C-alpha cells in the first residue's frame, strides 16, 4: 500500500472519528434547536461518506449520490415505521439507530450534507493535485 493511500485513509478516519464524537455530543447535550434538529442529519451523511472512503482509496465518483439515495431509502422506511413493522419497536437502541419519524426536511439535510462532502472532496482533490 502506498504511503499516500495510508495518509488518505488516516485523514478520512480522523474526520470520521471527529464526526462520531460530534454526533454523540449533539445527542447527549442538545435536546432541541437548529443543530439538534438539522445539523446532525447534515453531518451523518458526511460521516457515512468518510467511513466508506476509509476503505476505498480510489475515489468512488458517485459516492455522495449513493449515500444520499441510501439516506432517502432509510427516511422512506421511517415513513412506513419499518421498526414497528419488523417488531423491533421495543428496542430503544434500534429505534434510535434506524429512526421512527419521517421528515422531508431530513431529506433536504441529507442532500445538503452530500453536496458539502462532494464539493469539499473535489476541492481537496484540486488542492492536492497542485501540491504534487
Protein backbone atom coordinates (compact mmCIF):
# COMPACT_ATOMS: atom_id res chain seq x y z
CA UNK A 1 0.00 0.00 0.00
CA UNK A 2 1.37 3.40 -0.92
CA UNK A 3 2.13 5.90 1.80
CA UNK A 4 -0.28 8.35 0.16
CA UNK A 5 -3.17 5.91 0.40
CA UNK A 6 -2.39 5.29 4.08
CA UNK A 7 -2.30 9.04 4.70
CA UNK A 8 -5.56 9.47 2.82
CA UNK A 9 -7.22 6.71 4.84
CA UNK A 10 -5.94 8.25 8.05
CA UNK A 11 -7.39 11.65 7.13
CA UNK A 12 -10.81 10.15 6.42
CA UNK A 13 -10.53 8.10 9.60
CA UNK A 14 -9.81 11.18 11.69
CA UNK A 15 -12.68 13.10 10.12
CA UNK A 16 -14.95 10.10 10.73
CA UNK A 17 -13.85 9.89 14.37
CA UNK A 18 -14.38 13.63 14.85
CA UNK A 19 -17.85 13.41 13.35
CA UNK A 20 -18.78 10.41 15.53
CA UNK A 21 -17.73 12.34 18.63
CA UNK A 22 -19.66 15.40 17.42
CA UNK A 23 -22.80 13.31 16.75
CA UNK A 24 -22.62 11.76 20.23
CA UNK A 25 -22.16 15.16 21.86
CA UNK A 26 -25.13 16.53 19.92
CA UNK A 27 -27.26 13.56 21.02
CA UNK A 28 -26.20 13.84 24.67
CA UNK A 29 -26.20 17.57 25.25
CA UNK A 30 -28.50 19.25 22.75
CA UNK A 31 -32.14 18.40 23.28
CA UNK A 32 -33.56 20.90 20.79
CA UNK A 33 -32.60 23.68 18.42
CA UNK A 34 -31.20 24.01 14.93
CA UNK A 35 -28.07 21.90 15.48
CA UNK A 36 -30.01 19.04 17.09
CA UNK A 37 -32.78 19.13 14.50
CA UNK A 38 -30.78 19.63 11.32
CA UNK A 39 -27.02 19.70 11.97
CA UNK A 40 -26.86 16.04 12.98
CA UNK A 41 -28.62 15.00 9.77
CA UNK A 42 -26.20 17.03 7.67
CA UNK A 43 -23.20 15.58 9.50
CA UNK A 44 -24.36 11.96 9.46
CA UNK A 45 -24.18 11.64 5.67
CA UNK A 46 -20.71 13.22 5.68
CA UNK A 47 -19.78 10.71 8.39
CA UNK A 48 -21.03 7.82 6.23
CA UNK A 49 -19.12 9.12 3.20
CA UNK A 50 -15.90 9.40 5.24
CA UNK A 51 -16.39 5.90 6.65
CA UNK A 52 -16.73 4.45 3.16
CA UNK A 53 -13.75 6.46 1.88
CA UNK A 54 -11.53 4.91 4.57
CA UNK A 55 -11.85 1.63 2.66
CA UNK A 56 -11.77 2.94 -0.91
CA UNK A 57 -8.57 4.80 -1.75
CA UNK A 58 -9.66 5.36 -5.33
CA UNK A 59 -12.48 7.85 -5.02
CA UNK A 60 -15.87 6.37 -5.92
CA UNK A 61 -17.19 9.07 -8.25
CA UNK A 62 -20.84 8.73 -7.24
CA UNK A 63 -20.29 8.10 -3.52
CA UNK A 64 -22.20 11.18 -2.39
CA UNK A 65 -25.12 10.26 -4.65
CA UNK A 66 -25.23 6.66 -3.37
CA UNK A 67 -25.10 7.83 0.26
CA UNK A 68 -27.90 10.30 -0.45
CA UNK A 69 -30.06 7.59 -2.06
CA UNK A 70 -29.38 5.26 0.89
CA UNK A 71 -30.36 8.04 3.30
CA UNK A 72 -33.58 8.72 1.40
CA UNK A 73 -34.39 4.98 1.46
CA UNK A 74 -33.94 4.94 5.24
CA UNK A 75 -36.14 8.04 5.58
CA UNK A 76 -38.86 6.48 3.40
CA UNK A 77 -38.67 3.34 5.53
CA UNK A 78 -39.22 5.59 8.56
CA UNK A 79 -42.37 6.92 6.90
CA UNK A 80 -43.73 3.37 6.94
CA UNK A 81 -42.43 2.86 10.52
CA UNK A 82 -40.40 -0.18 9.48
CA UNK A 83 -39.04 -0.57 13.01
CA UNK A 84 -42.58 -1.39 14.14
CA UNK A 85 -43.24 -3.50 11.03
CA UNK A 86 -40.19 -5.60 11.96
CA UNK A 87 -41.44 -5.93 15.54
CA UNK A 88 -38.42 -4.04 16.93
CA UNK A 89 -40.27 -1.07 18.45
CA UNK A 90 -39.36 -2.19 21.99
CA UNK A 91 -35.65 -1.87 21.24
CA UNK A 92 -34.71 1.68 22.18
CA UNK A 93 -31.28 1.28 20.52
CA UNK A 94 -32.71 0.15 17.16
CA UNK A 95 -35.47 2.75 17.32
CA UNK A 96 -32.84 5.48 17.72
CA UNK A 97 -30.41 3.98 15.21
CA UNK A 98 -32.95 3.30 12.46
CA UNK A 99 -35.28 6.16 13.29
CA UNK A 100 -39.02 6.22 13.76
CA UNK A 101 -40.05 9.63 12.44
CA UNK A 102 -40.22 10.65 8.79
CA UNK A 103 -39.37 14.21 7.84
CA UNK A 104 -38.98 15.68 4.38
CA UNK A 105 -36.67 18.30 5.90
CA UNK A 106 -34.32 15.45 6.89
CA UNK A 107 -34.03 14.54 3.21
CA UNK A 108 -33.05 18.13 2.43
CA UNK A 109 -30.44 17.96 5.20
CA UNK A 110 -29.05 14.73 3.73
CA UNK A 111 -28.87 16.40 0.33
CA UNK A 112 -27.02 19.38 1.78
CA UNK A 113 -24.58 17.11 3.63
CA UNK A 114 -23.86 15.09 0.48
CA UNK A 115 -23.32 18.30 -1.51
CA UNK A 116 -20.92 19.57 1.15
CA UNK A 117 -18.97 16.29 1.06
CA UNK A 118 -18.88 16.24 -2.75
CA UNK A 119 -17.71 19.85 -3.04
CA UNK A 120 -15.15 19.50 -0.22
CA UNK A 121 -13.69 16.30 -1.63
CA UNK A 122 -13.36 17.78 -5.12
CA UNK A 123 -11.84 20.96 -3.71
CA UNK A 124 -9.27 18.98 -1.70
CA UNK A 125 -8.51 16.87 -4.76
CA UNK A 126 -7.72 20.01 -6.78
CA UNK A 127 -5.59 21.44 -3.98
CA UNK A 128 -3.75 18.13 -3.62
CA UNK A 129 -3.03 17.99 -7.37
CA UNK A 130 -1.50 21.47 -7.23
CA UNK A 131 0.67 20.45 -4.26
CA UNK A 132 2.10 17.45 -6.10
